[in-house]
């Protein structure tokens, strides 16, 4: 793999982590939303990532070692954004407009602590991939300086 493949891999990770951060902030913003257009409380959303199978990375390494031009590098992509299957929390609030006949209101099963952990993880992963891009950029610049 060449240095430009690193840009593709890190770029795909940057985009995936950005979406992960957006989903976590959306979950936090809607942690008290009891009514949605679909009916019922807001459902926590989760991001799933997918990567290329390991066998494709082995083929990539083998072709690089053989001196062949390598196919595009792998990376990560968002597989899906899914709703959390956890049932909503029920709180007794008889005066609430979304209360059922028994006076219970369904609130999203969202833990602010879990969302902040997800957000911090996405931020750290984003920073690490940005650092990898910066390091690759510096290596390319140094290579060009050597060739002058």
C-alpha atoms as a PDB file:
ATOM      1  CA  UNK A   1       0.000   0.000   0.000  1.00  0.00           C
ATOM      2  CA  UNK A   2       1.255   3.447  -0.814  1.00  0.00           C
ATOM      3  CA  UNK A   3       0.841   6.607   1.218  1.00  0.00           C
ATOM      4  CA  UNK A   4      -2.118   7.712  -0.882  1.00  0.00           C
ATOM      5  CA  UNK A   5      -3.973   4.569   0.225  1.00  0.00           C
ATOM      6  CA  UNK A   6      -3.592   5.834   3.775  1.00  0.00           C
ATOM      7  CA  UNK A   7      -5.532   8.953   2.778  1.00  0.00           C
ATOM      8  CA  UNK A   8      -8.391   6.778   1.537  1.00  0.00           C
ATOM      9  CA  UNK A   9      -8.449   4.621   4.669  1.00  0.00           C
ATOM     10  CA  UNK A  10      -8.223   7.558   7.079  1.00  0.00           C
ATOM     11  CA  UNK A  11     -10.682   9.605   5.038  1.00  0.00           C
ATOM     12  CA  UNK A  12     -13.294   6.874   5.218  1.00  0.00           C
ATOM     13  CA  UNK A  13     -12.735   6.583   8.976  1.00  0.00           C
ATOM     14  CA  UNK A  14     -13.072  10.365   9.380  1.00  0.00           C
ATOM     15  CA  UNK A  15     -16.427  10.335   7.608  1.00  0.00           C
ATOM     16  CA  UNK A  16     -17.671   7.360   9.640  1.00  0.00           C
ATOM     17  CA  UNK A  17     -16.628   8.897  12.964  1.00  0.00           C
ATOM     18  CA  UNK A  18     -18.241  12.214  12.019  1.00  0.00           C
ATOM     19  CA  UNK A  19     -21.552  10.397  11.497  1.00  0.00           C
ATOM     20  CA  UNK A  20     -21.086   8.524  14.773  1.00  0.00           C
ATOM     21  CA  UNK A  21     -20.635  11.855  16.585  1.00  0.00           C
ATOM     22  CA  UNK A  22     -23.710  13.315  14.872  1.00  0.00           C
ATOM     23  CA  UNK A  23     -25.831  10.335  15.925  1.00  0.00           C
ATOM     24  CA  UNK A  24     -24.607  10.577  19.546  1.00  0.00           C
ATOM     25  CA  UNK A  25     -25.429  14.302  19.700  1.00  0.00           C
ATOM     26  CA  UNK A  26     -28.842  13.634  18.156  1.00  0.00           C
ATOM     27  CA  UNK A  27     -29.480  11.013  20.827  1.00  0.00           C
ATOM     28  CA  UNK A  28     -28.497  13.482  23.545  1.00  0.00           C
ATOM     29  CA  UNK A  29     -30.669  16.224  22.081  1.00  0.00           C
ATOM     30  CA  UNK A  30     -33.707  13.924  21.960  1.00  0.00           C
ATOM     31  CA  UNK A  31     -33.249  12.212  25.329  1.00  0.00           C
ATOM     32  CA  UNK A  32     -36.513  13.734  26.631  1.00  0.00           C
ATOM     33  CA  UNK A  33     -38.555  13.553  23.387  1.00  0.00           C
ATOM     34  CA  UNK A  34     -41.748  11.654  24.166  1.00  0.00           C
ATOM     35  CA  UNK A  35     -43.575  12.137  20.882  1.00  0.00           C
ATOM     36  CA  UNK A  36     -42.284  11.697  17.341  1.00  0.00           C
ATOM     37  CA  UNK A  37     -43.948  11.766  13.941  1.00  0.00           C
ATOM     38  CA  UNK A  38     -43.773   7.933  13.877  1.00  0.00           C
ATOM     39  CA  UNK A  39     -45.590   7.823  17.209  1.00  0.00           C
ATOM     40  CA  UNK A  40     -44.118   6.994  20.566  1.00  0.00           C
ATOM     41  CA  UNK A  41     -40.887   8.251  22.077  1.00  0.00           C
ATOM     42  CA  UNK A  42     -37.657   8.905  20.209  1.00  0.00           C
ATOM     43  CA  UNK A  43     -35.614   5.734  19.717  1.00  0.00           C
ATOM     44  CA  UNK A  44     -31.892   5.810  20.429  1.00  0.00           C
ATOM     45  CA  UNK A  45     -29.891   5.277  17.252  1.00  0.00           C
ATOM     46  CA  UNK A  46     -26.639   3.361  16.927  1.00  0.00           C
ATOM     47  CA  UNK A  47     -24.069   3.335  14.126  1.00  0.00           C
ATOM     48  CA  UNK A  48     -22.586   0.092  12.848  1.00  0.00           C
ATOM     49  CA  UNK A  49     -19.312   0.080  10.941  1.00  0.00           C
ATOM     50  CA  UNK A  50     -18.173  -2.363   8.262  1.00  0.00           C
ATOM     51  CA  UNK A  51     -14.751  -3.039   6.807  1.00  0.00           C
ATOM     52  CA  UNK A  52     -13.325  -5.014   3.941  1.00  0.00           C
ATOM     53  CA  UNK A  53     -12.762  -8.687   4.748  1.00  0.00           C
ATOM     54  CA  UNK A  54      -9.276  -9.583   5.955  1.00  0.00           C
ATOM     55  CA  UNK A  55      -8.682 -11.720   2.854  1.00  0.00           C
ATOM     56  CA  UNK A  56      -8.821  -8.615   0.681  1.00  0.00           C
ATOM     57  CA  UNK A  57      -6.170  -6.958   2.849  1.00  0.00           C
ATOM     58  CA  UNK A  58      -3.949 -10.053   2.423  1.00  0.00           C
ATOM     59  CA  UNK A  59      -4.358  -9.788  -1.349  1.00  0.00           C
ATOM     60  CA  UNK A  60      -3.520  -6.099  -1.145  1.00  0.00           C
ATOM     61  CA  UNK A  61      -0.344  -6.832   0.833  1.00  0.00           C
ATOM     62  CA  UNK A  62       0.655  -9.655  -1.529  1.00  0.00           C
ATOM     63  CA  UNK A  63       0.225  -7.473  -4.606  1.00  0.00           C
ATOM     64  CA  UNK A  64       2.215  -4.671  -2.964  1.00  0.00           C
ATOM     65  CA  UNK A  65       5.083  -7.030  -2.113  1.00  0.00           C
ATOM     66  CA  UNK A  66       5.088  -8.396  -5.660  1.00  0.00           C
ATOM     67  CA  UNK A  67       5.584  -4.874  -6.993  1.00  0.00           C
ATOM     68  CA  UNK A  68       2.206  -4.711  -8.668  1.00  0.00           C
ATOM     69  CA  UNK A  69       0.184  -1.551  -8.484  1.00  0.00           C
ATOM     70  CA  UNK A  70      -2.104  -1.999  -5.526  1.00  0.00           C
ATOM     71  CA  UNK A  71      -5.866  -1.814  -5.907  1.00  0.00           C
ATOM     72  CA  UNK A  72      -7.626   0.851  -3.886  1.00  0.00           C
ATOM     73  CA  UNK A  73      -7.076   0.432  -0.163  1.00  0.00           C
ATOM     74  CA  UNK A  74      -9.800  -0.704   2.175  1.00  0.00           C
ATOM     75  CA  UNK A  75     -11.180   1.319   4.975  1.00  0.00           C
ATOM     76  CA  UNK A  76     -14.271   1.620   7.058  1.00  0.00           C
ATOM     77  CA  UNK A  77     -17.776   2.559   6.106  1.00  0.00           C
ATOM     78  CA  UNK A  78     -21.025   3.017   7.927  1.00  0.00           C
ATOM     79  CA  UNK A  79     -22.910  -0.233   7.616  1.00  0.00           C
ATOM     80  CA  UNK A  80     -26.185   1.028   8.988  1.00  0.00           C
ATOM     81  CA  UNK A  81     -27.782   3.350  11.494  1.00  0.00           C
ATOM     82  CA  UNK A  82     -30.178   1.238  13.523  1.00  0.00           C
ATOM     83  CA  UNK A  83     -32.680   1.898  16.279  1.00  0.00           C
ATOM     84  CA  UNK A  84     -31.835   0.563  19.726  1.00  0.00           C
ATOM     85  CA  UNK A  85     -34.269  -2.266  20.614  1.00  0.00           C
ATOM     86  CA  UNK A  86     -34.275  -1.303  24.312  1.00  0.00           C
ATOM     87  CA  UNK A  87     -37.846  -0.601  25.439  1.00  0.00           C
ATOM     88  CA  UNK A  88     -38.631   2.958  26.495  1.00  0.00           C
ATOM     89  CA  UNK A  89     -38.596   4.012  30.143  1.00  0.00           C
ATOM     90  CA  UNK A  90     -42.004   4.536  31.682  1.00  0.00           C
ATOM     91  CA  UNK A  91     -42.436   7.382  34.147  1.00  0.00           C
ATOM     92  CA  UNK A  92     -45.558   8.204  36.097  1.00  0.00           C
ATOM     93  CA  UNK A  93     -46.600  11.711  35.012  1.00  0.00           C
ATOM     94  CA  UNK A  94     -50.407  11.844  34.813  1.00  0.00           C
ATOM     95  CA  UNK A  95     -50.528  15.516  33.723  1.00  0.00           C
ATOM     96  CA  UNK A  96     -48.208  15.020  30.727  1.00  0.00           C
ATOM     97  CA  UNK A  97     -49.834  15.368  27.269  1.00  0.00           C
ATOM     98  CA  UNK A  98     -48.273  12.057  26.123  1.00  0.00           C
ATOM     99  CA  UNK A  99     -49.401  10.097  29.204  1.00  0.00           C
ATOM    100  CA  UNK A 100     -51.333   6.889  28.627  1.00  0.00           C
ATOM    101  CA  UNK A 101     -54.593   5.965  30.386  1.00  0.00           C
ATOM    102  CA  UNK A 102     -52.654   4.862  33.495  1.00  0.00           C
ATOM    103  CA  UNK A 103     -50.711   8.162  33.661  1.00  0.00           C
ATOM    104  CA  UNK A 104     -47.377   6.749  32.434  1.00  0.00           C
ATOM    105  CA  UNK A 105     -45.247   8.506  29.834  1.00  0.00           C
ATOM    106  CA  UNK A 106     -42.790   6.585  27.626  1.00  0.00           C
ATOM    107  CA  UNK A 107     -39.369   8.263  27.541  1.00  0.00           C
ATOM    108  CA  UNK A 108     -36.433   7.260  25.330  1.00  0.00           C
ATOM    109  CA  UNK A 109     -34.039   4.730  26.890  1.00  0.00           C
ATOM    110  CA  UNK A 110     -31.047   7.038  26.486  1.00  0.00           C
ATOM    111  CA  UNK A 111     -28.241   7.254  29.004  1.00  0.00           C
ATOM    112  CA  UNK A 112     -26.449  10.626  28.813  1.00  0.00           C
ATOM    113  CA  UNK A 113     -23.329   8.941  30.213  1.00  0.00           C
ATOM    114  CA  UNK A 114     -23.308   6.322  27.423  1.00  0.00           C
ATOM    115  CA  UNK A 115     -23.863   8.978  24.772  1.00  0.00           C
ATOM    116  CA  UNK A 116     -21.005  11.105  26.130  1.00  0.00           C
ATOM    117  CA  UNK A 117     -18.718   8.054  26.108  1.00  0.00           C
ATOM    118  CA  UNK A 118     -19.711   7.368  22.484  1.00  0.00           C
ATOM    119  CA  UNK A 119     -19.140  11.010  21.611  1.00  0.00           C
ATOM    120  CA  UNK A 120     -15.704  11.073  23.262  1.00  0.00           C
ATOM    121  CA  UNK A 121     -14.763   7.822  21.497  1.00  0.00           C
ATOM    122  CA  UNK A 122     -15.793   9.259  18.143  1.00  0.00           C
ATOM    123  CA  UNK A 123     -13.830  12.444  18.869  1.00  0.00           C
ATOM    124  CA  UNK A 124     -10.672  10.536  19.810  1.00  0.00           C
ATOM    125  CA  UNK A 125     -10.924   8.278  16.762  1.00  0.00           C
ATOM    126  CA  UNK A 126     -11.433  11.325  14.563  1.00  0.00           C
ATOM    127  CA  UNK A 127      -8.350  13.010  16.053  1.00  0.00           C
ATOM    128  CA  UNK A 128      -6.226   9.887  15.554  1.00  0.00           C
ATOM    129  CA  UNK A 129      -7.223   9.561  11.913  1.00  0.00           C
ATOM    130  CA  UNK A 130      -6.598  13.268  11.337  1.00  0.00           C
ATOM    131  CA  UNK A 131      -3.127  12.778  12.845  1.00  0.00           C
ATOM    132  CA  UNK A 132      -2.508   9.832  10.498  1.00  0.00           C
ATOM    133  CA  UNK A 133      -3.448  11.994   7.505  1.00  0.00           C
ATOM    134  CA  UNK A 134      -1.133  14.738   8.746  1.00  0.00           C
ATOM    135  CA  UNK A 135       1.739  12.267   9.226  1.00  0.00           C
ATOM    136  CA  UNK A 136       1.263  10.868   5.702  1.00  0.00           C
ATOM    137  CA  UNK A 137       1.206  14.398   4.316  1.00  0.00           C
ATOM    138  CA  UNK A 138       4.489  15.191   6.088  1.00  0.00           C
ATOM    139  CA  UNK A 139       6.086  11.990   4.745  1.00  0.00           C
ATOM    140  CA  UNK A 140       5.088  12.898   1.203  1.00  0.00           C
ATOM    141  CA  UNK A 141       6.447  16.433   1.654  1.00  0.00           C
ATOM    142  CA  UNK A 142       9.740  15.081   3.031  1.00  0.00           C
ATOM    143  CA  UNK A 143       9.988  12.635   0.122  1.00  0.00           C
ATOM    144  CA  UNK A 144       9.563  15.505  -2.318  1.00  0.00           C
ATOM    145  CA  UNK A 145      12.248  17.494  -0.486  1.00  0.00           C
ATOM    146  CA  UNK A 146      14.665  14.544  -0.794  1.00  0.00           C
ATOM    147  CA  UNK A 147      13.968  14.278  -4.528  1.00  0.00           C
ATOM    148  CA  UNK A 148      14.824  17.952  -5.176  1.00  0.00           C
END
